Amino acid sequence: MLEVPLLMKRPFIDISEPLNPLHVREYSQKTLVALLSKCQFEIISVYGASRGCYVDSPKARNAILIIARKYS
């Protein structure tokens, strides 16, 4: 299980670095899934977090939760 903050998209601003100074990195869902696939993980489930509740991943505003397993 992996949960990370989402890279926040701000209207009219195209940046790829974290807006929160306490975060070393923030990922978009697409980038995180690609990274895990490249590292040979099988994605089992993907959820989003929005205002403290888990939601369908397209509705995520704050974080993404991925359940994956390493290929044997």
PDB file of N, CA and C in Angstrom:
ATOM      1  N   MET A   1       0.854  -1.173   0.000  1.00  0.00           N
ATOM      2  CA  MET A   1       0.000   0.000   0.000  1.00  0.00           C
ATOM      3  C   MET A   1       0.894   1.227   0.000  1.00  0.00           C
ATOM      4  N   LEU A   2       0.507   2.196  -0.783  1.00  0.00           N
ATOM      5  CA  LEU A   2       1.269   3.428  -0.913  1.00  0.00           C
ATOM      6  C   LEU A   2       0.286   4.579  -1.013  1.00  0.00           C
ATOM      7  N   GLU A   3       0.438   5.571  -0.162  1.00  0.00           N
ATOM      8  CA  GLU A   3      -0.399   6.767  -0.249  1.00  0.00           C
ATOM      9  C   GLU A   3       0.511   7.974  -0.274  1.00  0.00           C
ATOM     10  N   VAL A   4       0.329   8.809  -1.273  1.00  0.00           N
ATOM     11  CA  VAL A   4       1.161   9.999  -1.422  1.00  0.00           C
ATOM     12  C   VAL A   4       0.281  11.197  -1.749  1.00  0.00           C
ATOM     13  N   PRO A   5       0.744  12.401  -1.399  1.00  0.00           N
ATOM     14  CA  PRO A   5      -0.013  13.594  -1.776  1.00  0.00           C
ATOM     15  C   PRO A   5       0.012  13.768  -3.291  1.00  0.00           C
ATOM     16  N   LEU A   6      -1.087  14.229  -3.827  1.00  0.00           N
ATOM     17  CA  LEU A   6      -1.157  14.498  -5.261  1.00  0.00           C
ATOM     18  C   LEU A   6      -0.488  15.824  -5.575  1.00  0.00           C
ATOM     19  N   LEU A   7       0.117  15.894  -6.749  1.00  0.00           N
ATOM     20  CA  LEU A   7       0.625  17.162  -7.247  1.00  0.00           C
ATOM     21  C   LEU A   7      -0.579  18.057  -7.479  1.00  0.00           C
ATOM     22  N   MET A   8      -0.668  19.123  -6.736  1.00  0.00           N
ATOM     23  CA  MET A   8      -1.831  20.002  -6.821  1.00  0.00           C
ATOM     24  C   MET A   8      -1.774  20.839  -8.087  1.00  0.00           C
ATOM     25  N   LYS A   9      -2.847  20.821  -8.816  1.00  0.00           N
ATOM     26  CA  LYS A   9      -2.955  21.631 -10.020  1.00  0.00           C
ATOM     27  C   LYS A   9      -3.655  22.935  -9.661  1.00  0.00           C
ATOM     28  N   ARG A  10      -3.029  24.007  -9.999  1.00  0.00           N
ATOM     29  CA  ARG A  10      -3.617  25.322  -9.758  1.00  0.00           C
ATOM     30  C   ARG A  10      -4.046  25.905 -11.108  1.00  0.00           C
ATOM     31  N   PRO A  11      -5.170  26.570 -11.151  1.00  0.00           N
ATOM     32  CA  PRO A  11      -5.610  27.163 -12.417  1.00  0.00           C
ATOM     33  C   PRO A  11      -4.572  28.154 -12.950  1.00  0.00           C
ATOM     34  N   PHE A  12      -4.308  28.049 -14.225  1.00  0.00           N
ATOM     35  CA  PHE A  12      -3.443  28.985 -14.951  1.00  0.00           C
ATOM     36  C   PHE A  12      -1.970  28.921 -14.549  1.00  0.00           C
ATOM     37  N   ILE A  13      -1.581  27.916 -13.764  1.00  0.00           N
ATOM     38  CA  ILE A  13      -0.174  27.778 -13.364  1.00  0.00           C
ATOM     39  C   ILE A  13       0.271  26.374 -13.755  1.00  0.00           C
ATOM     40  N   ASP A  14       1.300  26.287 -14.563  1.00  0.00           N
ATOM     41  CA  ASP A  14       1.805  24.977 -14.986  1.00  0.00           C
ATOM     42  C   ASP A  14       3.161  24.742 -14.338  1.00  0.00           C
ATOM     43  N   ILE A  15       3.158  24.143 -13.134  1.00  0.00           N
ATOM     44  CA  ILE A  15       4.401  23.841 -12.446  1.00  0.00           C
ATOM     45  C   ILE A  15       4.415  22.364 -12.081  1.00  0.00           C
ATOM     46  N   SER A  16       5.598  21.802 -11.947  1.00  0.00           N
ATOM     47  CA  SER A  16       5.696  20.386 -11.625  1.00  0.00           C
ATOM     48  C   SER A  16       6.394  20.145 -10.295  1.00  0.00           C
ATOM     49  N   GLU A  17       6.593  21.169  -9.510  1.00  0.00           N
ATOM     50  CA  GLU A  17       7.216  20.989  -8.201  1.00  0.00           C
ATOM     51  C   GLU A  17       6.172  21.186  -7.103  1.00  0.00           C
ATOM     52  N   PRO A  18       6.395  20.601  -5.936  1.00  0.00           N
ATOM     53  CA  PRO A  18       5.401  20.705  -4.856  1.00  0.00           C
ATOM     54  C   PRO A  18       5.152  22.155  -4.428  1.00  0.00           C
ATOM     55  N   LEU A  19       3.896  22.461  -4.189  1.00  0.00           N
ATOM     56  CA  LEU A  19       3.557  23.773  -3.645  1.00  0.00           C
ATOM     57  C   LEU A  19       3.716  23.792  -2.131  1.00  0.00           C
ATOM     58  N   ASN A  20       3.603  22.627  -1.503  1.00  0.00           N
ATOM     59  CA  ASN A  20       3.769  22.519  -0.061  1.00  0.00           C
ATOM     60  C   ASN A  20       5.260  22.385   0.238  1.00  0.00           C
ATOM     61  N   PRO A  21       5.849  23.303   0.998  1.00  0.00           N
ATOM     62  CA  PRO A  21       7.286  23.249   1.263  1.00  0.00           C
ATOM     63  C   PRO A  21       7.713  22.038   2.095  1.00  0.00           C
ATOM     64  N   LEU A  22       6.781  21.324   2.728  1.00  0.00           N
ATOM     65  CA  LEU A  22       7.116  20.147   3.518  1.00  0.00           C
ATOM     66  C   LEU A  22       7.176  18.877   2.672  1.00  0.00           C
ATOM     67  N   HIS A  23       6.756  18.953   1.416  1.00  0.00           N
ATOM     68  CA  HIS A  23       6.781  17.788   0.538  1.00  0.00           C
ATOM     69  C   HIS A  23       8.041  17.803  -0.314  1.00  0.00           C
ATOM     70  N   VAL A  24       8.745  16.688  -0.338  1.00  0.00           N
ATOM     71  CA  VAL A  24       9.912  16.566  -1.208  1.00  0.00           C
ATOM     72  C   VAL A  24       9.456  16.374  -2.645  1.00  0.00           C
ATOM     73  N   ARG A  25       8.432  15.540  -2.826  1.00  0.00           N
ATOM     74  CA  ARG A  25       7.850  15.279  -4.144  1.00  0.00           C
ATOM     75  C   ARG A  25       6.340  15.138  -4.027  1.00  0.00           C
ATOM     76  N   GLU A  26       5.689  15.470  -5.109  1.00  0.00           N
ATOM     77  CA  GLU A  26       4.270  15.183  -5.265  1.00  0.00           C
ATOM     78  C   GLU A  26       4.102  14.609  -6.662  1.00  0.00           C
ATOM     79  N   TYR A  27       3.225  13.630  -6.807  1.00  0.00           N
ATOM     80  CA  TYR A  27       3.038  12.951  -8.083  1.00  0.00           C
ATOM     81  C   TYR A  27       1.616  13.119  -8.581  1.00  0.00           C
ATOM     82  N   SER A  28       1.476  13.134  -9.887  1.00  0.00           N
ATOM     83  CA  SER A  28       0.141  12.980 -10.467  1.00  0.00           C
ATOM     84  C   SER A  28      -0.158  11.482 -10.446  1.00  0.00           C
ATOM     85  N   GLN A  29      -1.416  11.121 -10.542  1.00  0.00           N
ATOM     86  CA  GLN A  29      -1.778   9.706 -10.535  1.00  0.00           C
ATOM     87  C   GLN A  29      -1.106   8.996 -11.705  1.00  0.00           C
ATOM     88  N   LYS A  30      -1.131   9.597 -12.860  1.00  0.00           N
ATOM     89  CA  LYS A  30      -0.554   8.986 -14.061  1.00  0.00           C
ATOM     90  C   LYS A  30       0.947   8.719 -13.873  1.00  0.00           C
ATOM     91  N   THR A  31       1.670   9.677 -13.334  1.00  0.00           N
ATOM     92  CA  THR A  31       3.109   9.531 -13.132  1.00  0.00           C
ATOM     93  C   THR A  31       3.412   8.459 -12.094  1.00  0.00           C
ATOM     94  N   LEU A  32       2.642   8.407 -11.021  1.00  0.00           N
ATOM     95  CA  LEU A  32       2.883   7.425  -9.971  1.00  0.00           C
ATOM     96  C   LEU A  32       2.606   6.001 -10.464  1.00  0.00           C
ATOM     97  N   VAL A  33       1.529   5.808 -11.195  1.00  0.00           N
ATOM     98  CA  VAL A  33       1.222   4.484 -11.742  1.00  0.00           C
ATOM     99  C   VAL A  33       2.326   4.055 -12.720  1.00  0.00           C
ATOM    100  N   ALA A  34       2.801   4.979 -13.547  1.00  0.00           N
ATOM    101  CA  ALA A  34       3.875   4.657 -14.489  1.00  0.00           C
ATOM    102  C   ALA A  34       5.157   4.280 -13.753  1.00  0.00           C
ATOM    103  N   LEU A  35       5.467   4.989 -12.681  1.00  0.00           N
ATOM    104  CA  LEU A  35       6.667   4.693 -11.898  1.00  0.00           C
ATOM    105  C   LEU A  35       6.586   3.312 -11.261  1.00  0.00           C
ATOM    106  N   LEU A  36       5.446   2.983 -10.681  1.00  0.00           N
ATOM    107  CA  LEU A  36       5.285   1.669 -10.069  1.00  0.00           C
ATOM    108  C   LEU A  36       5.350   0.554 -11.116  1.00  0.00           C
ATOM    109  N   SER A  37       4.752   0.780 -12.269  1.00  0.00           N
ATOM    110  CA  SER A  37       4.808  -0.224 -13.334  1.00  0.00           C
ATOM    111  C   SER A  37       6.243  -0.436 -13.808  1.00  0.00           C
ATOM    112  N   LYS A  38       6.980   0.647 -13.919  1.00  0.00           N
ATOM    113  CA  LYS A  38       8.384   0.569 -14.335  1.00  0.00           C
ATOM    114  C   LYS A  38       9.214  -0.221 -13.316  1.00  0.00           C
ATOM    115  N   CYS A  39       8.846  -0.123 -12.050  1.00  0.00           N
ATOM    116  CA  CYS A  39       9.554  -0.835 -10.978  1.00  0.00           C
ATOM    117  C   CYS A  39       8.986  -2.233 -10.763  1.00  0.00           C
ATOM    118  N   GLN A  40       8.215  -2.710 -11.711  1.00  0.00           N
ATOM    119  CA  GLN A  40       7.674  -4.064 -11.739  1.00  0.00           C
ATOM    120  C   GLN A  40       6.675  -4.359 -10.618  1.00  0.00           C
ATOM    121  N   PHE A  41       5.773  -3.408 -10.378  1.00  0.00           N
ATOM    122  CA  PHE A  41       4.668  -3.623  -9.457  1.00  0.00           C
ATOM    123  C   PHE A  41       3.385  -3.813 -10.248  1.00  0.00           C
ATOM    124  N   GLU A  42       2.553  -4.724  -9.807  1.00  0.00           N
ATOM    125  CA  GLU A  42       1.235  -4.930 -10.385  1.00  0.00           C
ATOM    126  C   GLU A  42       0.249  -4.079  -9.590  1.00  0.00           C
ATOM    127  N   ILE A  43      -0.439  -3.184 -10.262  1.00  0.00           N
ATOM    128  CA  ILE A  43      -1.429  -2.326  -9.614  1.00  0.00           C
ATOM    129  C   ILE A  43      -2.695  -3.140  -9.392  1.00  0.00           C
ATOM    130  N   ILE A  44      -3.139  -3.225  -8.141  1.00  0.00           N
ATOM    131  CA  ILE A  44      -4.351  -3.972  -7.808  1.00  0.00           C
ATOM    132  C   ILE A  44      -5.552  -3.034  -7.693  1.00  0.00           C
ATOM    133  N   SER A  45      -5.385  -1.935  -6.960  1.00  0.00           N
ATOM    134  CA  SER A  45      -6.473  -0.963  -6.779  1.00  0.00           C
ATOM    135  C   SER A  45      -5.893   0.440  -6.669  1.00  0.00           C
ATOM    136  N   VAL A  46      -6.690   1.418  -7.084  1.00  0.00           N
ATOM    137  CA  VAL A  46      -6.299   2.819  -6.971  1.00  0.00           C
ATOM    138  C   VAL A  46      -7.477   3.588  -6.385  1.00  0.00           C
ATOM    139  N   TYR A  47      -7.209   4.359  -5.350  1.00  0.00           N
ATOM    140  CA  TYR A  47      -8.229   5.190  -4.701  1.00  0.00           C
ATOM    141  C   TYR A  47      -7.700   6.617  -4.600  1.00  0.00           C
ATOM    142  N   GLY A  48      -8.595   7.532  -4.447  1.00  0.00           N
ATOM    143  CA  GLY A  48      -8.216   8.907  -4.222  1.00  0.00           C
ATOM    144  C   GLY A  48      -8.634   9.338  -2.834  1.00  0.00           C
ATOM    145  N   ALA A  49      -8.052  10.417  -2.366  1.00  0.00           N
ATOM    146  CA  ALA A  49      -8.463  11.019  -1.094  1.00  0.00           C
ATOM    147  C   ALA A  49      -8.838  12.471  -1.358  1.00  0.00           C
ATOM    148  N   SER A  50      -9.936  12.865  -0.780  1.00  0.00           N
ATOM    149  CA  SER A  50     -10.410  14.237  -0.930  1.00  0.00           C
ATOM    150  C   SER A  50     -11.035  14.677   0.381  1.00  0.00           C
ATOM    151  N   ARG A  51     -10.396  15.655   1.012  1.00  0.00           N
ATOM    152  CA  ARG A  51     -10.894  16.206   2.279  1.00  0.00           C
ATOM    153  C   ARG A  51     -11.104  15.140   3.344  1.00  0.00           C
ATOM    154  N   GLY A  52     -10.159  14.184   3.421  1.00  0.00           N
ATOM    155  CA  GLY A  52     -10.203  13.179   4.479  1.00  0.00           C
ATOM    156  C   GLY A  52     -11.033  11.947   4.186  1.00  0.00           C
ATOM    157  N   CYS A  53     -11.641  11.865   3.018  1.00  0.00           N
ATOM    158  CA  CYS A  53     -12.447  10.701   2.650  1.00  0.00           C
ATOM    159  C   CYS A  53     -11.862  10.045   1.406  1.00  0.00           C
ATOM    160  N   TYR A  54     -11.974   8.719   1.341  1.00  0.00           N
ATOM    161  CA  TYR A  54     -11.533   8.021   0.143  1.00  0.00           C
ATOM    162  C   TYR A  54     -12.637   8.061  -0.903  1.00  0.00           C
ATOM    163  N   VAL A  55     -12.227   8.363  -2.137  1.00  0.00           N
ATOM    164  CA  VAL A  55     -13.162   8.544  -3.246  1.00  0.00           C
ATOM    165  C   VAL A  55     -12.601   7.821  -4.472  1.00  0.00           C
ATOM    166  N   ASP A  56     -13.386   7.771  -5.545  1.00  0.00           N
ATOM    167  CA  ASP A  56     -12.869   7.247  -6.804  1.00  0.00           C
ATOM    168  C   ASP A  56     -11.671   8.102  -7.216  1.00  0.00           C
ATOM    169  N   SER A  57     -10.673   7.471  -7.789  1.00  0.00           N
ATOM    170  CA  SER A  57      -9.426   8.181  -8.080  1.00  0.00           C
ATOM    171  C   SER A  57      -9.593   9.427  -8.964  1.00  0.00           C
ATOM    172  N   PRO A  58     -10.511   9.447  -9.948  1.00  0.00           N
ATOM    173  CA  PRO A  58     -10.646  10.684 -10.727  1.00  0.00           C
ATOM    174  C   PRO A  58     -11.140  11.880  -9.902  1.00  0.00           C
ATOM    175  N   LYS A  59     -11.753  11.614  -8.755  1.00  0.00           N
ATOM    176  CA  LYS A  59     -12.266  12.698  -7.908  1.00  0.00           C
ATOM    177  C   LYS A  59     -11.275  13.117  -6.827  1.00  0.00           C
ATOM    178  N   ALA A  60     -10.099  12.523  -6.825  1.00  0.00           N
ATOM    179  CA  ALA A  60      -9.101  12.818  -5.788  1.00  0.00           C
ATOM    180  C   ALA A  60      -8.639  14.265  -5.879  1.00  0.00           C
ATOM    181  N   ARG A  61      -8.508  14.890  -4.719  1.00  0.00           N
ATOM    182  CA  ARG A  61      -8.015  16.263  -4.660  1.00  0.00           C
ATOM    183  C   ARG A  61      -6.741  16.370  -3.823  1.00  0.00           C
ATOM    184  N   ASN A  62      -6.558  15.445  -2.871  1.00  0.00           N
ATOM    185  CA  ASN A  62      -5.443  15.587  -1.939  1.00  0.00           C
ATOM    186  C   ASN A  62      -4.379  14.506  -2.041  1.00  0.00           C
ATOM    187  N   ALA A  63      -4.793  13.268  -2.216  1.00  0.00           N
ATOM    188  CA  ALA A  63      -3.825  12.171  -2.201  1.00  0.00           C
ATOM    189  C   ALA A  63      -4.315  11.033  -3.071  1.00  0.00           C
ATOM    190  N   ILE A  64      -3.394  10.130  -3.356  1.00  0.00           N
ATOM    191  CA  ILE A  64      -3.726   8.933  -4.110  1.00  0.00           C
ATOM    192  C   ILE A  64      -3.223   7.734  -3.318  1.00  0.00           C
ATOM    193  N   LEU A  65      -4.053   6.706  -3.220  1.00  0.00           N
ATOM    194  CA  LEU A  65      -3.715   5.477  -2.512  1.00  0.00           C
ATOM    195  C   LEU A  65      -3.677   4.349  -3.537  1.00  0.00           C
ATOM    196  N   ILE A  66      -2.542   3.676  -3.622  1.00  0.00           N
ATOM    197  CA  ILE A  66      -2.389   2.580  -4.562  1.00  0.00           C
ATOM    198  C   ILE A  66      -2.058   1.303  -3.798  1.00  0.00           C
ATOM    199  N   ILE A  67      -2.804   0.264  -4.111  1.00  0.00           N
ATOM    200  CA  ILE A  67      -2.502  -1.061  -3.572  1.00  0.00           C
ATOM    201  C   ILE A  67      -1.874  -1.837  -4.726  1.00  0.00           C
ATOM    202  N   ALA A  68      -0.659  -2.326  -4.485  1.00  0.00           N
ATOM    203  CA  ALA A  68       0.087  -3.002  -5.545  1.00  0.00           C
ATOM    204  C   ALA A  68       0.890  -4.148  -4.929  1.00  0.00           C
ATOM    205  N   ARG A  69       1.343  -5.021  -5.813  1.00  0.00           N
ATOM    206  CA  ARG A  69       2.240  -6.076  -5.360  1.00  0.00           C
ATOM    207  C   ARG A  69       3.373  -6.222  -6.368  1.00  0.00           C
ATOM    208  N   LYS A  70       4.518  -6.613  -5.827  1.00  0.00           N
ATOM    209  CA  LYS A  70       5.708  -6.801  -6.642  1.00  0.00           C
ATOM    210  C   LYS A  70       5.566  -8.085  -7.441  1.00  0.00           C
ATOM    211  N   TYR A  71       5.879  -8.005  -8.741  1.00  0.00           N
ATOM    212  CA  TYR A  71       5.873  -9.216  -9.561  1.00  0.00           C
ATOM    213  C   TYR A  71       6.908 -10.187  -9.016  1.00  0.00           C
ATOM    214  N   SER A  72       6.591 -11.474  -9.028  1.00  0.00           N
ATOM    215  CA  SER A  72       7.515 -12.496  -8.532  1.00  0.00           C
ATOM    216  C   SER A  72       8.529 -12.856  -9.588  1.00  0.00           C
TER     217      SER A  72
END
